[in-house]
Amino acid sequence: MVGLSCSAYFNFPNLILSIEALKAEFASLDIAVGGRALAIENLDSINKYPNTMCIHSLPELEDMLQSSCFVVA
């Protein structure tokens, strides 16, 4: 599992490009996306990818990563 966190200042199209690049290289990778930018962008753009989920709070994202087998910092 990899976690991607984006601030309100992050370029949302770059987030989508990052997800697409990860999925192209590792199709079965679980991706958790969280951060303030998600509150203002279209979540359907993220939810359309398999094994990709939106986490609406940073503490929840951190908890999910800490409980997974691999932590990416």
Foldseek 3Di string as FASTA:
>chain_A
DAEAEDELPDDVVVVLVVVVVCCVVPVPDAYEYEYDNVVVDDCVSQVVRPNYYYDHDPVVRVVVQVPDPDHDD
